[in-house]
Protein backbone atom coordinates (compact mmCIF):
# COMPACT_ATOMS: atom_id res chain seq x y z
CA MET A 1 67.26 127.68 88.55
CA LYS A 2 70.10 126.12 86.63
CA THR A 3 72.05 129.39 86.64
CA LYS A 4 71.45 129.74 90.37
CA HIS A 5 72.77 126.23 91.00
CA VAL A 6 75.84 126.83 88.85
CA ARG A 7 76.62 130.04 90.72
CA ALA A 8 76.15 128.32 94.05
CA PHE A 9 78.49 125.50 93.03
CA ALA A 10 81.10 127.98 91.78
CA ALA A 11 80.84 129.84 95.08
CA PHE A 12 81.32 126.56 96.94
CA LEU A 13 84.44 125.75 94.92
CA TRP A 14 85.84 129.20 95.60
CA PHE A 15 85.13 128.85 99.32
CA ALA A 16 86.68 125.35 99.48
CA GLY A 17 89.75 126.51 97.57
CA ALA A 18 90.14 129.57 99.78
CA CYS A 19 89.85 127.43 102.91
CA GLN A 20 92.45 124.95 101.65
CA ALA A 21 94.82 127.72 100.59
CA ASP A 22 94.33 129.39 103.98
CA GLU A 23 95.04 126.05 105.70
CA ILE A 24 98.28 125.68 103.78
CA THR A 25 99.35 129.27 104.42
CA LYS A 26 98.74 129.04 108.16
CA GLY A 27 100.25 125.59 108.48
CA HIS A 28 97.15 123.91 109.97
CA TYR A 29 97.36 120.37 108.63
CA LEU A 30 96.23 117.09 110.18
CA PRO A 31 94.83 114.67 107.58
CA HIS A 32 92.71 111.76 108.75
CA ILE A 33 94.37 108.52 107.68
CA GLU A 34 92.25 105.37 107.81
CA PRO A 35 94.43 102.33 106.96
CA ALA A 36 91.40 100.34 105.78
CA ALA A 37 90.85 102.95 103.05
CA PHE A 38 94.18 102.10 101.37
CA HIS A 39 95.14 99.15 99.17
CA GLY A 40 98.49 97.75 98.08
CA THR A 41 98.33 98.73 94.41
CA VAL A 42 99.32 102.19 93.17
CA ASP A 43 97.66 102.49 89.77
CA ASN A 44 96.68 106.15 89.51
CA PRO A 45 97.14 106.74 85.73
CA TYR A 46 99.44 109.72 86.29
CA PHE A 47 101.48 108.07 89.05
CA PRO A 48 101.54 104.31 88.37
CA LEU A 49 103.96 102.23 90.43
CA VAL A 50 104.33 98.87 88.67
CA LEU A 51 106.41 96.55 90.84
CA GLY A 52 109.81 95.76 89.35
CA THR A 53 109.85 98.80 87.05
CA VAL A 54 113.19 100.60 86.73
CA LYS A 55 113.12 104.13 85.30
CA THR A 56 116.17 106.10 84.21
CA LEU A 57 116.24 109.88 84.06
CA ILE A 58 118.98 112.34 83.11
CA ARG A 59 119.32 115.65 84.98
CA ARG A 60 121.19 118.55 83.39
CA ASN A 61 122.15 121.63 85.36
CA GLY A 62 124.50 123.85 83.37
CA VAL A 63 127.62 121.83 82.65
CA LYS A 64 126.72 119.20 85.24
CA THR A 65 124.88 116.02 84.32
CA SER A 66 123.64 113.33 86.67
CA GLN A 67 121.72 110.09 86.23
CA ILE A 68 118.77 109.08 88.38
CA VAL A 69 117.65 105.45 88.56
CA VAL A 70 114.24 104.89 90.15
CA GLU A 71 113.18 101.34 91.05
CA VAL A 72 109.69 100.41 92.18
CA THR A 73 110.72 97.66 94.57
CA ARG A 74 108.65 94.67 95.60
CA HIS A 75 109.06 95.66 99.25
CA THR A 76 106.57 97.41 101.50
CA ARG A 77 106.89 99.53 104.61
CA THR A 78 104.08 100.06 107.07
CA VAL A 79 103.65 103.70 108.08
CA MET A 80 100.72 104.88 110.24
CA GLY A 81 99.21 101.43 109.73
CA VAL A 82 99.31 101.75 105.93
CA ALA A 83 101.31 99.31 103.77
CA CYS A 84 103.34 101.55 101.44
CA VAL A 85 105.16 100.68 98.22
CA VAL A 86 108.90 101.30 98.60
CA VAL A 87 110.52 103.22 95.74
CA HIS A 88 114.33 103.39 95.60
CA ASP A 89 116.00 106.42 93.96
CA MET A 90 119.75 106.65 93.32
CA GLU A 91 121.39 109.70 91.76
CA THR A 92 124.96 109.52 90.48
CA GLU A 93 127.24 112.16 89.00
CA ALA A 94 130.36 111.13 87.07
CA GLY A 95 130.01 107.67 88.59
CA ARG A 96 129.81 108.98 92.17
CA LEU A 97 126.70 108.34 94.27
CA ILE A 98 125.37 111.70 95.43
CA GLU A 99 121.93 110.74 96.77
CA ASP A 100 120.30 107.51 97.88
CA THR A 101 116.62 107.62 98.87
CA TYR A 102 113.78 105.26 99.76
CA ASP A 103 110.31 106.80 99.35
CA TRP A 104 107.03 105.35 100.66
CA TYR A 105 103.77 105.69 98.70
CA ALA A 106 100.25 104.30 99.08
CA GLN A 107 97.01 104.80 97.19
CA ALA A 108 93.63 105.36 98.80
CA ASP A 109 90.63 103.47 97.46
CA HIS A 110 89.30 106.52 95.59
CA GLY A 111 92.60 106.95 93.68
CA THR A 112 94.63 109.61 95.47
CA VAL A 113 98.31 108.68 95.92
CA TRP A 114 99.76 109.63 99.31
CA TYR A 115 103.40 110.17 100.26
CA PHE A 116 104.28 108.82 103.72
CA GLY A 117 107.95 109.76 104.03
CA GLU A 118 111.48 108.96 103.00
CA GLU A 119 114.85 107.70 104.15
CA THR A 120 117.41 109.79 102.32
CA ARG A 121 121.16 110.13 102.34
CA GLU A 122 122.97 112.88 100.48
CA PHE A 123 126.72 112.44 99.94
CA LYS A 124 128.83 115.57 99.88
CA PRO A 125 132.08 115.83 97.81
CA GLY A 126 134.20 115.61 100.96
CA GLY A 127 132.59 112.36 102.02
CA GLU A 128 130.14 113.87 104.51
CA MET A 129 126.68 112.29 104.60
CA ASP A 130 123.57 114.41 105.14
CA ILE A 131 120.36 112.73 106.35
CA SER A 132 118.49 115.90 107.29
CA GLY A 133 115.89 115.38 104.54
CA ALA A 134 114.55 112.18 106.10
CA TRP A 135 111.06 112.12 107.65
CA GLU A 136 108.32 109.63 108.45
CA ALA A 137 104.61 110.36 108.75
CA GLY A 138 103.32 109.87 112.26
CA LYS A 139 106.64 110.64 113.93
CA ASP A 140 107.82 113.93 115.47
CA GLY A 141 104.78 115.76 114.14
CA ALA A 142 105.26 114.72 110.49
CA GLN A 143 102.14 114.12 108.40
CA PRO A 144 101.64 112.38 105.03
CA GLY A 145 100.82 114.39 101.92
CA ILE A 146 99.32 113.94 98.49
CA VAL A 147 101.66 113.29 95.57
CA MET A 148 98.90 112.87 92.98
CA PRO A 149 95.18 113.68 93.41
CA ALA A 150 92.56 111.18 92.27
CA SER A 151 91.07 113.69 89.84
CA PRO A 152 93.27 115.55 87.34
CA LEU A 153 90.63 118.29 87.34
CA ASP A 154 91.27 119.14 90.98
CA LEU A 155 93.13 122.44 90.68
CA MET A 156 93.32 123.23 94.39
CA PRO A 157 96.76 123.28 96.10
CA TYR A 158 97.58 120.21 98.19
CA ARG A 159 100.18 119.36 100.81
CA GLN A 160 102.75 116.88 99.48
CA GLU A 161 104.51 116.38 102.80
CA PHE A 162 104.49 118.04 106.19
CA LEU A 163 107.03 118.40 108.97
CA ALA A 164 106.84 121.94 110.30
CA GLY A 165 109.80 124.07 109.24
CA LYS A 166 111.51 121.16 107.49
CA ALA A 167 109.30 119.40 104.93
CA GLU A 168 106.48 121.62 103.73
CA ASP A 169 106.17 120.97 99.99
CA VAL A 170 102.96 121.97 98.20
CA GLY A 171 101.70 120.96 94.75
CA GLN A 172 99.02 122.14 92.35
CA ILE A 173 97.79 120.83 88.99
CA VAL A 174 97.95 123.65 86.45
CA SER A 175 97.20 121.88 83.14
CA VAL A 176 96.06 118.53 81.74
CA ASN A 177 96.64 119.05 78.01
CA GLU A 178 100.39 119.61 77.65
CA LEU A 179 102.49 118.30 74.75
CA VAL A 180 105.90 116.99 75.85
CA THR A 181 108.81 115.36 74.01
CA VAL A 182 111.64 113.72 75.94
CA PRO A 183 114.29 111.14 74.92
CA PHE A 184 111.89 108.35 75.94
CA GLY A 185 109.09 109.55 73.61
CA SER A 186 106.44 112.15 72.82
CA TYR A 187 103.24 112.52 74.81
CA SER A 188 99.99 114.46 74.55
CA ASN A 189 97.38 115.31 77.17
CA VAL A 190 100.13 115.46 79.76
CA LEU A 191 99.33 116.64 83.29
CA LYS A 192 101.50 119.52 84.51
CA THR A 193 102.06 120.50 88.13
CA LYS A 194 103.65 123.42 89.91
CA GLU A 195 105.40 122.45 93.14
CA TRP A 196 106.97 124.66 95.78
CA SER A 197 108.06 124.74 99.41
CA MET A 198 106.59 126.83 102.19
CA VAL A 199 110.02 127.06 103.87
CA GLU A 200 112.24 127.67 100.81
CA SER A 201 112.10 130.03 97.85
CA GLY A 202 111.46 129.00 94.25
CA ALA A 203 109.23 126.50 92.49
CA GLU A 204 109.54 123.62 90.04
CA GLN A 205 107.35 122.19 87.31
CA LYS A 206 106.67 118.54 86.54
CA TRP A 207 104.98 116.79 83.62
CA TYR A 208 103.16 113.45 84.11
CA ALA A 209 102.14 111.37 81.09
CA LYS A 210 99.10 109.13 81.46
CA ASP A 211 99.96 105.48 82.22
CA VAL A 212 103.65 106.47 82.35
CA GLY A 213 104.21 108.86 85.23
CA VAL A 214 106.66 111.75 85.45
CA VAL A 215 108.59 112.32 82.22
CA ARG A 216 110.01 115.82 82.69
CA GLU A 217 110.93 118.22 85.49
CA VAL A 218 112.24 121.78 85.46
CA GLY A 219 113.72 123.00 88.74
CA THR A 220 114.04 126.40 90.33
CA ALA A 221 117.62 126.85 89.18
CA GLY A 222 116.77 125.78 85.63
CA GLU A 223 117.91 122.17 85.96
CA ILE A 224 116.05 119.87 83.57
CA THR A 225 115.31 116.22 84.30
CA GLU A 226 113.93 113.93 81.58
CA ARG A 227 113.07 110.24 81.39
CA THR A 228 115.34 108.30 79.04
CA ALA A 229 114.54 104.60 79.59
CA VAL A 230 112.31 102.08 81.35
CA SER A 231 112.92 98.41 82.05
CA ARG A 232 111.52 95.64 84.25
CA LYS A 233 113.20 93.41 86.80
């Protein structure tokens, strides 16, 4: 009987994974968001957002180097009735601001962290400003996505954001026992994800240390981003 139950459960997992993968492939996506199921604190161990925290990362892409400063602000933004934590990212290269973004995150009661959109401005060398990456869940067909599942053992792909033909990023946990060393420190039992877009080619990898958050990223073009410092405001 035990073997029968194990096989049935394995079959269920396969079926659920196949259905979710099929949903992602075909673009059918309409998550049910119940504002009462969310709370103001984002404390998922792999994606903690402690208010007032300022994280610094260095991105290297060939001979180019940029600095990214990420601040978990004390502000909130209500999206689809959910009070989201506002995270401010600024990327500079040789002292010039090249991207300025506000992201909105909220955590459901069971621990999953959802991504509800962003206001982003990209500054081109000639002074042109590009805001095409901006989107907000609940508007123009955009839907929120999952940035970090509640369970690190959930290996099924998940939508990270959704605006048909524009924002269709997908993530998947691929490991939970990585060893990673970055300028900010060395970590074990690190969670690793693979992330890709349904509307663009390529994929990137990210490493999340427990109680720390993302510490390393490797992009499609080989660019490497690593955490170098953390402070509090």
